[in-house]
Amino acid sequence: HKGRRTFVIFYRRDSGDVLALIGPEGILWQTDCALAVG
């Protein structure tokens, strides 16, 4: 989460780049490569 909103980040190890997505109010607890739940 970021503040009161759901939050996703993408990290590329080769470049060190960090990108992010913001979603609705809430929280995400677990993810794999196809699904995230919260």
Full PDB file with SEQRES, HELIX, SHEET, SSBOND, CRYST1, ORIGX, SCALE, CONECT and MASTER records, all heavy atoms in Angstrom:
SEQRES   1 A   38  HIS LYS GLY ARG ARG THR PHE VAL ILE PHE TYR ARG ARG          
SEQRES   2 A   38  ASP SER GLY ASP VAL LEU ALA LEU ILE GLY PRO GLU GLY          
SEQRES   3 A   38  ILE LEU TRP GLN THR ASP CYS ALA LEU ALA VAL GLY              
SHEET    1 AA1 2 ARG A   5  TYR A  11  0                                        
SHEET    2 AA1 2 VAL A  18  GLU A  25 -1                                        
CRYST1    1.000    1.000    1.000  90.00  90.00  90.00 P 1           1          
ORIGX1      1.000000  0.000000  0.000000        0.00000                         
ORIGX2      0.000000  1.000000  0.000000        0.00000                         
ORIGX3      0.000000  0.000000  1.000000        0.00000                         
SCALE1      1.000000  0.000000  0.000000        0.00000                         
SCALE2      0.000000  1.000000  0.000000        0.00000                         
SCALE3      0.000000  0.000000  1.000000        0.00000                         
ATOM      1  N   HIS A   1       0.837  -1.201   0.000  1.00  0.00           N  
ATOM      2  CA  HIS A   1       0.000   0.000   0.000  1.00  0.00           C  
ATOM      3  C   HIS A   1       0.868   1.245   0.000  1.00  0.00           C  
ATOM      4  O   HIS A   1       2.027   1.222   0.435  1.00  0.00           O  
ATOM      5  CB  HIS A   1      -0.948   0.024   1.213  1.00  0.00           C  
ATOM      6  CG  HIS A   1      -0.240   0.343   2.510  1.00  0.00           C  
ATOM      7  ND1 HIS A   1      -0.058   1.631   2.960  1.00  0.00           N  
ATOM      8  CD2 HIS A   1       0.319  -0.469   3.441  1.00  0.00           C  
ATOM      9  CE1 HIS A   1       0.588   1.611   4.125  1.00  0.00           C  
ATOM     10  NE2 HIS A   1       0.830   0.351   4.432  1.00  0.00           N  
ATOM     11  N   LYS A   2       0.307   2.318  -0.484  1.00  0.00           N  
ATOM     12  CA  LYS A   2       0.902   3.656  -0.424  1.00  0.00           C  
ATOM     13  C   LYS A   2      -0.164   4.569   0.149  1.00  0.00           C  
ATOM     14  O   LYS A   2      -1.187   4.820  -0.493  1.00  0.00           O  
ATOM     15  CB  LYS A   2       1.328   4.125  -1.811  1.00  0.00           C  
ATOM     16  CG  LYS A   2       1.911   5.545  -1.848  1.00  0.00           C  
ATOM     17  CD  LYS A   2       2.268   5.937  -3.273  1.00  0.00           C  
ATOM     18  CE  LYS A   2       2.868   7.328  -3.335  1.00  0.00           C  
ATOM     19  NZ  LYS A   2       1.902   8.384  -2.926  1.00  0.00           N  
ATOM     20  N   GLY A   3       0.071   5.059   1.365  1.00  0.00           N  
ATOM     21  CA  GLY A   3      -0.986   5.789   2.047  1.00  0.00           C  
ATOM     22  C   GLY A   3      -2.173   4.866   2.269  1.00  0.00           C  
ATOM     23  O   GLY A   3      -2.030   3.768   2.800  1.00  0.00           O  
ATOM     24  N   ARG A   4      -3.332   5.260   1.799  1.00  0.00           N  
ATOM     25  CA  ARG A   4      -4.545   4.449   1.949  1.00  0.00           C  
ATOM     26  C   ARG A   4      -4.888   3.691   0.658  1.00  0.00           C  
ATOM     27  O   ARG A   4      -5.981   3.128   0.549  1.00  0.00           O  
ATOM     28  CB  ARG A   4      -5.727   5.330   2.359  1.00  0.00           C  
ATOM     29  CG  ARG A   4      -5.574   5.989   3.723  1.00  0.00           C  
ATOM     30  CD  ARG A   4      -6.801   6.813   4.069  1.00  0.00           C  
ATOM     31  NE  ARG A   4      -7.993   5.969   4.121  1.00  0.00           N  
ATOM     32  CZ  ARG A   4      -8.389   5.316   5.214  1.00  0.00           C  
ATOM     33  NH1 ARG A   4      -7.682   5.395   6.332  1.00  0.00           N  
ATOM     34  NH2 ARG A   4      -9.501   4.601   5.199  1.00  0.00           N  
ATOM     35  N   ARG A   5      -3.946   3.677  -0.301  1.00  0.00           N  
ATOM     36  CA  ARG A   5      -4.263   3.088  -1.604  1.00  0.00           C  
ATOM     37  C   ARG A   5      -3.399   1.865  -1.897  1.00  0.00           C  
ATOM     38  O   ARG A   5      -2.262   1.752  -1.433  1.00  0.00           O  
ATOM     39  CB  ARG A   5      -4.102   4.141  -2.697  1.00  0.00           C  
ATOM     40  CG  ARG A   5      -5.038   5.331  -2.527  1.00  0.00           C  
ATOM     41  CD  ARG A   5      -4.836   6.362  -3.610  1.00  0.00           C  
ATOM     42  NE  ARG A   5      -5.234   5.864  -4.923  1.00  0.00           N  
ATOM     43  CZ  ARG A   5      -5.156   6.590  -6.034  1.00  0.00           C  
ATOM     44  NH1 ARG A   5      -4.679   7.841  -5.992  1.00  0.00           N  
ATOM     45  NH2 ARG A   5      -5.543   6.080  -7.195  1.00  0.00           N  
ATOM     46  N   THR A   6      -3.960   0.961  -2.702  1.00  0.00           N  
ATOM     47  CA  THR A   6      -3.227  -0.210  -3.151  1.00  0.00           C  
ATOM     48  C   THR A   6      -2.061   0.212  -4.036  1.00  0.00           C  
ATOM     49  O   THR A   6      -2.132   1.208  -4.765  1.00  0.00           O  
ATOM     50  CB  THR A   6      -4.159  -1.162  -3.916  1.00  0.00           C  
ATOM     51  OG1 THR A   6      -4.895  -0.410  -4.897  1.00  0.00           O  
ATOM     52  CG2 THR A   6      -5.156  -1.835  -2.979  1.00  0.00           C  
ATOM     53  N   PHE A   7      -0.989  -0.594  -3.998  1.00  0.00           N  
ATOM     54  CA  PHE A   7       0.265  -0.147  -4.594  1.00  0.00           C  
ATOM     55  C   PHE A   7       1.010  -1.346  -5.165  1.00  0.00           C  
ATOM     56  O   PHE A   7       1.073  -2.411  -4.540  1.00  0.00           O  
ATOM     57  CB  PHE A   7       1.108   0.537  -3.512  1.00  0.00           C  
ATOM     58  CG  PHE A   7       2.345   1.228  -3.987  1.00  0.00           C  
ATOM     59  CD1 PHE A   7       2.295   2.197  -4.968  1.00  0.00           C  
ATOM     60  CD2 PHE A   7       3.580   0.929  -3.417  1.00  0.00           C  
ATOM     61  CE1 PHE A   7       3.445   2.856  -5.388  1.00  0.00           C  
ATOM     62  CE2 PHE A   7       4.728   1.584  -3.823  1.00  0.00           C  
ATOM     63  CZ  PHE A   7       4.669   2.543  -4.813  1.00  0.00           C  
ATOM     64  N   VAL A   8       1.567  -1.173  -6.375  1.00  0.00           N  
ATOM     65  CA  VAL A   8       2.348  -2.213  -7.046  1.00  0.00           C  
ATOM     66  C   VAL A   8       3.632  -1.584  -7.558  1.00  0.00           C  
ATOM     67  O   VAL A   8       3.611  -0.489  -8.137  1.00  0.00           O  
ATOM     68  CB  VAL A   8       1.580  -2.817  -8.244  1.00  0.00           C  
ATOM     69  CG1 VAL A   8       2.405  -3.926  -8.903  1.00  0.00           C  
ATOM     70  CG2 VAL A   8       0.222  -3.345  -7.813  1.00  0.00           C  
ATOM     71  N   ILE A   9       4.766  -2.246  -7.350  1.00  0.00           N  
ATOM     72  CA  ILE A   9       6.010  -1.755  -7.944  1.00  0.00           C  
ATOM     73  C   ILE A   9       6.653  -2.857  -8.786  1.00  0.00           C  
ATOM     74  O   ILE A   9       6.434  -4.052  -8.558  1.00  0.00           O  
ATOM     75  CB  ILE A   9       7.020  -1.230  -6.900  1.00  0.00           C  
ATOM     76  CG1 ILE A   9       7.564  -2.376  -6.051  1.00  0.00           C  
ATOM     77  CG2 ILE A   9       6.424  -0.146  -6.050  1.00  0.00           C  
ATOM     78  CD1 ILE A   9       8.782  -1.944  -5.253  1.00  0.00           C  
ATOM     79  N   PHE A  10       7.448  -2.419  -9.767  1.00  0.00           N  
ATOM     80  CA  PHE A  10       8.181  -3.321 -10.647  1.00  0.00           C  
ATOM     81  C   PHE A  10       9.657  -2.953 -10.561  1.00  0.00           C  
ATOM     82  O   PHE A  10      10.025  -1.799 -10.798  1.00  0.00           O  
ATOM     83  CB  PHE A  10       7.692  -3.182 -12.092  1.00  0.00           C  
ATOM     84  CG  PHE A  10       6.215  -3.401 -12.254  1.00  0.00           C  
ATOM     85  CD1 PHE A  10       5.332  -2.320 -12.232  1.00  0.00           C  
ATOM     86  CD2 PHE A  10       5.701  -4.681 -12.403  1.00  0.00           C  
ATOM     87  CE1 PHE A  10       3.970  -2.521 -12.378  1.00  0.00           C  
ATOM     88  CE2 PHE A  10       4.339  -4.893 -12.540  1.00  0.00           C  
ATOM     89  CZ  PHE A  10       3.465  -3.812 -12.526  1.00  0.00           C  
ATOM     90  N   TYR A  11      10.469  -3.931 -10.238  1.00  0.00           N  
ATOM     91  CA  TYR A  11      11.910  -3.706 -10.089  1.00  0.00           C  
ATOM     92  C   TYR A  11      12.657  -4.572 -11.088  1.00  0.00           C  
ATOM     93  O   TYR A  11      12.464  -5.791 -11.155  1.00  0.00           O  
ATOM     94  CB  TYR A  11      12.345  -4.060  -8.666  1.00  0.00           C  
ATOM     95  CG  TYR A  11      13.838  -4.144  -8.476  1.00  0.00           C  
ATOM     96  CD1 TYR A  11      14.657  -3.027  -8.639  1.00  0.00           C  
ATOM     97  CD2 TYR A  11      14.446  -5.350  -8.128  1.00  0.00           C  
ATOM     98  CE1 TYR A  11      16.028  -3.108  -8.461  1.00  0.00           C  
ATOM     99  CE2 TYR A  11      15.820  -5.443  -7.947  1.00  0.00           C  
ATOM    100  CZ  TYR A  11      16.602  -4.320  -8.119  1.00  0.00           C  
ATOM    101  OH  TYR A  11      17.970  -4.397  -7.943  1.00  0.00           O  
ATOM    102  N   ARG A  12      13.497  -3.925 -11.893  1.00  0.00           N  
ATOM    103  CA  ARG A  12      14.340  -4.635 -12.858  1.00  0.00           C  
ATOM    104  C   ARG A  12      15.761  -4.704 -12.298  1.00  0.00           C  
ATOM    105  O   ARG A  12      16.432  -3.676 -12.158  1.00  0.00           O  
ATOM    106  CB  ARG A  12      14.318  -3.924 -14.215  1.00  0.00           C  
ATOM    107  CG  ARG A  12      12.941  -3.932 -14.862  1.00  0.00           C  
ATOM    108  CD  ARG A  12      12.968  -3.351 -16.259  1.00  0.00           C  
ATOM    109  NE  ARG A  12      11.644  -3.329 -16.851  1.00  0.00           N  
ATOM    110  CZ  ARG A  12      11.097  -4.356 -17.508  1.00  0.00           C  
ATOM    111  NH1 ARG A  12      11.800  -5.466 -17.660  1.00  0.00           N  
ATOM    112  NH2 ARG A  12       9.884  -4.265 -18.001  1.00  0.00           N  
ATOM    113  N   ARG A  13      16.182  -5.917 -12.016  1.00  0.00           N  
ATOM    114  CA  ARG A  13      17.483  -6.090 -11.375  1.00  0.00           C  
ATOM    115  C   ARG A  13      18.629  -5.660 -12.292  1.00  0.00           C  
ATOM    116  O   ARG A  13      19.629  -5.094 -11.818  1.00  0.00           O  
ATOM    117  CB  ARG A  13      17.642  -7.555 -10.958  1.00  0.00           C  
ATOM    118  CG  ARG A  13      19.018  -7.898 -10.429  1.00  0.00           C  
ATOM    119  CD  ARG A  13      19.031  -9.279  -9.818  1.00  0.00           C  
ATOM    120  NE  ARG A  13      18.546  -9.246  -8.451  1.00  0.00           N  
ATOM    121  CZ  ARG A  13      18.194 -10.331  -7.762  1.00  0.00           C  
ATOM    122  NH1 ARG A  13      18.226 -11.515  -8.346  1.00  0.00           N  
ATOM    123  NH2 ARG A  13      17.799 -10.223  -6.513  1.00  0.00           N  
ATOM    124  N   ASP A  14      18.510  -5.894 -13.601  1.00  0.00           N  
ATOM    125  CA  ASP A  14      19.619  -5.569 -14.501  1.00  0.00           C  
ATOM    126  C   ASP A  14      19.895  -4.077 -14.560  1.00  0.00           C  
ATOM    127  O   ASP A  14      21.046  -3.643 -14.575  1.00  0.00           O  
ATOM    128  CB  ASP A  14      19.357  -6.126 -15.900  1.00  0.00           C  
ATOM    129  CG  ASP A  14      18.024  -5.666 -16.484  1.00  0.00           C  
ATOM    130  OD1 ASP A  14      17.239  -5.025 -15.759  1.00  0.00           O  
ATOM    131  OD2 ASP A  14      17.760  -5.958 -17.675  1.00  0.00           O  
ATOM    132  N   SER A  15      18.828  -3.263 -14.576  1.00  0.00           N  
ATOM    133  CA  SER A  15      18.999  -1.815 -14.694  1.00  0.00           C  
ATOM    134  C   SER A  15      18.857  -1.083 -13.364  1.00  0.00           C  
ATOM    135  O   SER A  15      19.303   0.060 -13.229  1.00  0.00           O  
ATOM    136  CB  SER A  15      17.969  -1.248 -15.670  1.00  0.00           C  
ATOM    137  OG  SER A  15      16.650  -1.419 -15.165  1.00  0.00           O  
ATOM    138  N   GLY A  16      18.198  -1.710 -12.404  1.00  0.00           N  
ATOM    139  CA  GLY A  16      17.924  -1.042 -11.138  1.00  0.00           C  
ATOM    140  C   GLY A  16      16.712  -0.139 -11.176  1.00  0.00           C  
ATOM    141  O   GLY A  16      16.400   0.539 -10.193  1.00  0.00           O  
ATOM    142  N   ASP A  17      15.986  -0.111 -12.310  1.00  0.00           N  
ATOM    143  CA  ASP A  17      14.815   0.755 -12.445  1.00  0.00           C  
ATOM    144  C   ASP A  17      13.673   0.273 -11.553  1.00  0.00           C  
ATOM    145  O   ASP A  17      13.434  -0.933 -11.406  1.00  0.00           O  
ATOM    146  CB  ASP A  17      14.333   0.779 -13.897  1.00  0.00           C  
ATOM    147  CG  ASP A  17      15.311   1.490 -14.817  1.00  0.00           C  
ATOM    148  OD1 ASP A  17      16.146   2.256 -14.304  1.00  0.00           O  
ATOM    149  OD2 ASP A  17      15.239   1.267 -16.043  1.00  0.00           O  
ATOM    150  N   VAL A  18      12.949   1.239 -10.999  1.00  0.00           N  
ATOM    151  CA  VAL A  18      11.768   0.957 -10.182  1.00  0.00           C  
ATOM    152  C   VAL A  18      10.587   1.746 -10.754  1.00  0.00           C  
ATOM    153  O   VAL A  18      10.641   2.978 -10.822  1.00  0.00           O  
ATOM    154  CB  VAL A  18      11.975   1.337  -8.702  1.00  0.00           C  
ATOM    155  CG1 VAL A  18      10.721   1.045  -7.896  1.00  0.00           C  
ATOM    156  CG2 VAL A  18      13.165   0.579  -8.116  1.00  0.00           C  
ATOM    157  N   LEU A  19       9.534   1.047 -11.201  1.00  0.00           N  
ATOM    158  CA  LEU A  19       8.309   1.669 -11.691  1.00  0.00           C  
ATOM    159  C   LEU A  19       7.167   1.283 -10.766  1.00  0.00           C  
ATOM    160  O   LEU A  19       7.259   0.305 -10.015  1.00  0.00           O  
ATOM    161  CB  LEU A  19       8.022   1.213 -13.127  1.00  0.00           C  
ATOM    162  CG  LEU A  19       9.133   1.472 -14.151  1.00  0.00           C  
ATOM    163  CD1 LEU A  19       8.756   0.875 -15.497  1.00  0.00           C  
ATOM    164  CD2 LEU A  19       9.402   2.971 -14.265  1.00  0.00           C  
ATOM    165  N   ALA A  20       6.053   2.042 -10.837  1.00  0.00           N  
ATOM    166  CA  ALA A  20       4.971   1.788  -9.879  1.00  0.00           C  
ATOM    167  C   ALA A  20       3.602   2.028 -10.495  1.00  0.00           C  
ATOM    168  O   ALA A  20       3.438   2.806 -11.443  1.00  0.00           O  
ATOM    169  CB  ALA A  20       5.137   2.695  -8.658  1.00  0.00           C  
ATOM    170  N   LEU A  21       2.610   1.338  -9.921  1.00  0.00           N  
ATOM    171  CA  LEU A  21       1.195   1.537 -10.219  1.00  0.00           C  
ATOM    172  C   LEU A  21       0.458   1.853  -8.931  1.00  0.00           C  
ATOM    173  O   LEU A  21       0.769   1.304  -7.864  1.00  0.00           O  
ATOM    174  CB  LEU A  21       0.580   0.280 -10.841  1.00  0.00           C  
ATOM    175  CG  LEU A  21       1.139  -0.239 -12.160  1.00  0.00           C  
ATOM    176  CD1 LEU A  21       0.450  -1.552 -12.530  1.00  0.00           C  
ATOM    177  CD2 LEU A  21       0.952   0.784 -13.270  1.00  0.00           C  
ATOM    178  N   ILE A  22      -0.536   2.713  -9.018  1.00  0.00           N  
ATOM    179  CA  ILE A  22      -1.386   3.029  -7.871  1.00  0.00           C  
ATOM    180  C   ILE A  22      -2.808   2.591  -8.187  1.00  0.00           C  
ATOM    181  O   ILE A  22      -3.276   2.717  -9.321  1.00  0.00           O  
ATOM    182  CB  ILE A  22      -1.340   4.549  -7.540  1.00  0.00           C  
ATOM    183  CG1 ILE A  22      -1.934   4.826  -6.169  1.00  0.00           C  
ATOM    184  CG2 ILE A  22      -1.990   5.367  -8.629  1.00  0.00           C  
ATOM    185  CD1 ILE A  22      -1.020   4.472  -5.033  1.00  0.00           C  
ATOM    186  N   GLY A  23      -3.487   2.048  -7.182  1.00  0.00           N  
ATOM    187  CA  GLY A  23      -4.845   1.572  -7.366  1.00  0.00           C  
ATOM    188  C   GLY A  23      -5.812   2.237  -6.412  1.00  0.00           C  
ATOM    189  O   GLY A  23      -5.520   3.294  -5.835  1.00  0.00           O  
ATOM    190  N   PRO A  24      -6.974   1.641  -6.205  1.00  0.00           N  
ATOM    191  CA  PRO A  24      -7.994   2.231  -5.339  1.00  0.00           C  
ATOM    192  C   PRO A  24      -7.600   2.136  -3.873  1.00  0.00           C  
ATOM    193  O   PRO A  24      -6.598   1.499  -3.512  1.00  0.00           O  
ATOM    194  CB  PRO A  24      -9.225   1.372  -5.630  1.00  0.00           C  
ATOM    195  CG  PRO A  24      -8.655   0.036  -5.981  1.00  0.00           C  
ATOM    196  CD  PRO A  24      -7.409   0.344  -6.755  1.00  0.00           C  
ATOM    197  N   GLU A  25      -8.391   2.750  -3.010  1.00  0.00           N  
ATOM    198  CA  GLU A  25      -8.139   2.648  -1.581  1.00  0.00           C  
ATOM    199  C   GLU A  25      -8.204   1.189  -1.150  1.00  0.00           C  
ATOM    200  O   GLU A  25      -9.102   0.451  -1.554  1.00  0.00           O  
ATOM    201  CB  GLU A  25      -9.149   3.486  -0.795  1.00  0.00           C  
ATOM    202  CG  GLU A  25      -8.965   4.972  -0.966  1.00  0.00           C  
ATOM    203  CD  GLU A  25      -9.765   5.775   0.041  1.00  0.00           C  
ATOM    204  OE1 GLU A  25     -10.455   5.164   0.873  1.00  0.00           O  
ATOM    205  OE2 GLU A  25      -9.686   7.012   0.001  1.00  0.00           O  
ATOM    206  N   GLY A  26      -7.233   0.790  -0.346  1.00  0.00           N  
ATOM    207  CA  GLY A  26      -7.196  -0.589   0.103  1.00  0.00           C  
ATOM    208  C   GLY A  26      -5.777  -1.055   0.334  1.00  0.00           C  
ATOM    209  O   GLY A  26      -4.862  -0.250   0.549  1.00  0.00           O  
ATOM    210  N   ILE A  27      -5.579  -2.374   0.243  1.00  0.00           N  
ATOM    211  CA  ILE A  27      -4.282  -2.967   0.529  1.00  0.00           C  
ATOM    212  C   ILE A  27      -4.158  -4.264  -0.257  1.00  0.00           C  
ATOM    213  O   ILE A  27      -5.148  -4.956  -0.498  1.00  0.00           O  
ATOM    214  CB  ILE A  27      -4.127  -3.215   2.048  1.00  0.00           C  
ATOM    215  CG1 ILE A  27      -2.695  -3.578   2.411  1.00  0.00           C  
ATOM    216  CG2 ILE A  27      -5.110  -4.277   2.537  1.00  0.00           C  
ATOM    217  CD1 ILE A  27      -2.432  -3.545   3.910  1.00  0.00           C  
ATOM    218  N   LEU A  28      -2.926  -4.556  -0.693  1.00  0.00           N  
ATOM    219  CA  LEU A  28      -2.622  -5.822  -1.354  1.00  0.00           C  
ATOM    220  C   LEU A  28      -1.645  -6.596  -0.475  1.00  0.00           C  
ATOM    221  O   LEU A  28      -0.616  -6.056  -0.059  1.00  0.00           O  
ATOM    222  CB  LEU A  28      -2.012  -5.595  -2.727  1.00  0.00           C  
ATOM    223  CG  LEU A  28      -2.950  -5.014  -3.789  1.00  0.00           C  
ATOM    224  CD1 LEU A  28      -2.164  -4.601  -5.031  1.00  0.00           C  
ATOM    225  CD2 LEU A  28      -4.038  -6.018  -4.157  1.00  0.00           C  
ATOM    226  N   TRP A  29      -1.968  -7.872  -0.223  1.00  0.00           N  
ATOM    227  CA  TRP A  29      -1.182  -8.661   0.726  1.00  0.00           C  
ATOM    228  C   TRP A  29      -0.267  -9.673   0.055  1.00  0.00           C  
ATOM    229  O   TRP A  29       0.760 -10.044   0.620  1.00  0.00           O  
ATOM    230  CB  TRP A  29      -2.099  -9.393   1.699  1.00  0.00           C  
ATOM    231  CG  TRP A  29      -2.701  -8.535   2.749  1.00  0.00           C  
ATOM    232  CD1 TRP A  29      -3.995  -8.113   2.843  1.00  0.00           C  
ATOM    233  CD2 TRP A  29      -2.027  -7.965   3.883  1.00  0.00           C  
ATOM    234  NE1 TRP A  29      -4.172  -7.326   3.961  1.00  0.00           N  
ATOM    235  CE2 TRP A  29      -2.984  -7.212   4.610  1.00  0.00           C  
ATOM    236  CE3 TRP A  29      -0.715  -8.006   4.353  1.00  0.00           C  
ATOM    237  CZ2 TRP A  29      -2.677  -6.523   5.784  1.00  0.00           C  
ATOM    238  CZ3 TRP A  29      -0.404  -7.323   5.516  1.00  0.00           C  
ATOM    239  CH2 TRP A  29      -1.369  -6.600   6.218  1.00  0.00           C  
ATOM    240  N   GLN A  30      -0.654 -10.196  -1.094  1.00  0.00           N  
ATOM    241  CA  GLN A  30       0.182 -11.228  -1.710  1.00  0.00           C  
ATOM    242  C   GLN A  30       0.030 -11.196  -3.227  1.00  0.00           C  
ATOM    243  O   GLN A  30      -1.025 -10.819  -3.750  1.00  0.00           O  
ATOM    244  CB  GLN A  30      -0.194 -12.623  -1.190  1.00  0.00           C  
ATOM    245  CG  GLN A  30       0.770 -13.718  -1.646  1.00  0.00           C  
ATOM    246  CD  GLN A  30       0.436 -15.080  -1.067  1.00  0.00           C  
ATOM    247  OE1 GLN A  30      -0.062 -15.199   0.030  1.00  0.00           O  
ATOM    248  NE2 GLN A  30       0.734 -16.125  -1.821  1.00  0.00           N  
ATOM    249  N   THR A  31       1.099 -11.592  -3.916  1.00  0.00           N  
ATOM    250  CA  THR A  31       1.071 -11.626  -5.373  1.00  0.00           C  
ATOM    251  C   THR A  31       1.875 -12.800  -5.907  1.00  0.00           C  
ATOM    252  O   THR A  31       2.760 -13.330  -5.222  1.00  0.00           O  
ATOM    253  CB  THR A  31       1.633 -10.326  -5.970  1.00  0.00           C  
ATOM    254  OG1 THR A  31       1.432 -10.325  -7.392  1.00  0.00           O  
ATOM    255  CG2 THR A  31       3.117 -10.186  -5.695  1.00  0.00           C  
ATOM    256  N   ASP A  32       1.529 -13.227  -7.130  1.00  0.00           N  
ATOM    257  CA  ASP A  32       2.424 -14.017  -7.957  1.00  0.00           C  
ATOM    258  C   ASP A  32       2.487 -13.280  -9.292  1.00  0.00           C  
ATOM    259  O   ASP A  32       2.207 -12.086  -9.350  1.00  0.00           O  
ATOM    260  CB  ASP A  32       1.985 -15.486  -8.075  1.00  0.00           C  
ATOM    261  CG  ASP A  32       0.653 -15.660  -8.802  1.00  0.00           C  
ATOM    262  OD1 ASP A  32       0.085 -14.659  -9.297  1.00  0.00           O  
ATOM    263  OD2 ASP A  32       0.173 -16.804  -8.869  1.00  0.00           O  
ATOM    264  N   CYS A  33       2.822 -13.935 -10.368  1.00  0.00           N  
ATOM    265  CA  CYS A  33       2.964 -13.225 -11.637  1.00  0.00           C  
ATOM    266  C   CYS A  33       1.650 -13.013 -12.371  1.00  0.00           C  
ATOM    267  O   CYS A  33       1.612 -12.322 -13.392  1.00  0.00           O  
ATOM    268  CB  CYS A  33       3.944 -13.972 -12.534  1.00  0.00           C  
ATOM    269  SG  CYS A  33       5.599 -14.088 -11.818  1.00  0.00           S  
ATOM    270  N   ALA A  34       0.559 -13.594 -11.866  1.00  0.00           N  
ATOM    271  CA  ALA A  34      -0.736 -13.464 -12.540  1.00  0.00           C  
ATOM    272  C   ALA A  34      -1.796 -12.793 -11.689  1.00  0.00           C  
ATOM    273  O   ALA A  34      -2.735 -12.198 -12.214  1.00  0.00           O  
ATOM    274  CB  ALA A  34      -1.241 -14.840 -12.983  1.00  0.00           C  
ATOM    275  N   LEU A  35      -1.663 -12.869 -10.375  1.00  0.00           N  
ATOM    276  CA  LEU A  35      -2.731 -12.431  -9.472  1.00  0.00           C  
ATOM    277  C   LEU A  35      -2.152 -11.735  -8.256  1.00  0.00           C  
ATOM    278  O   LEU A  35      -1.044 -12.057  -7.809  1.00  0.00           O  
ATOM    279  CB  LEU A  35      -3.558 -13.650  -9.030  1.00  0.00           C  
ATOM    280  CG  LEU A  35      -4.676 -13.445  -8.010  1.00  0.00           C  
ATOM    281  CD1 LEU A  35      -5.787 -12.581  -8.585  1.00  0.00           C  
ATOM    282  CD2 LEU A  35      -5.227 -14.795  -7.550  1.00  0.00           C  
ATOM    283  N   ALA A  36      -2.893 -10.771  -7.712  1.00  0.00           N  
ATOM    284  CA  ALA A  36      -2.607 -10.197  -6.400  1.00  0.00           C  
ATOM    285  C   ALA A  36      -3.926 -10.103  -5.649  1.00  0.00           C  
ATOM    286  O   ALA A  36      -4.979  -9.841  -6.256  1.00  0.00           O  
ATOM    287  CB  ALA A  36      -1.965  -8.813  -6.522  1.00  0.00           C  
ATOM    288  N   VAL A  37      -3.888 -10.341  -4.338  1.00  0.00           N  
ATOM    289  CA  VAL A  37      -5.122 -10.337  -3.550  1.00  0.00           C  
ATOM    290  C   VAL A  37      -4.988  -9.380  -2.379  1.00  0.00           C  
ATOM    291  O   VAL A  37      -3.899  -9.099  -1.892  1.00  0.00           O  
ATOM    292  CB  VAL A  37      -5.472 -11.746  -3.034  1.00  0.00           C  
ATOM    293  CG1 VAL A  37      -5.613 -12.729  -4.189  1.00  0.00           C  
ATOM    294  CG2 VAL A  37      -4.437 -12.250  -2.021  1.00  0.00           C  
ATOM    295  N   GLY A  38      -6.150  -8.884  -1.929  1.00  0.00           N  
ATOM    296  CA  GLY A  38      -6.179  -7.983  -0.792  1.00  0.00           C  
ATOM    297  C   GLY A  38      -7.585  -7.506  -0.526  1.00  0.00           C  
ATOM    298  O   GLY A  38      -8.543  -8.269  -0.616  1.00  0.00           O  
TER     299      GLY A  38                                                      
MASTER        0    0    0    0    2    0    0    6  298    1    0    3          
END                                                                             
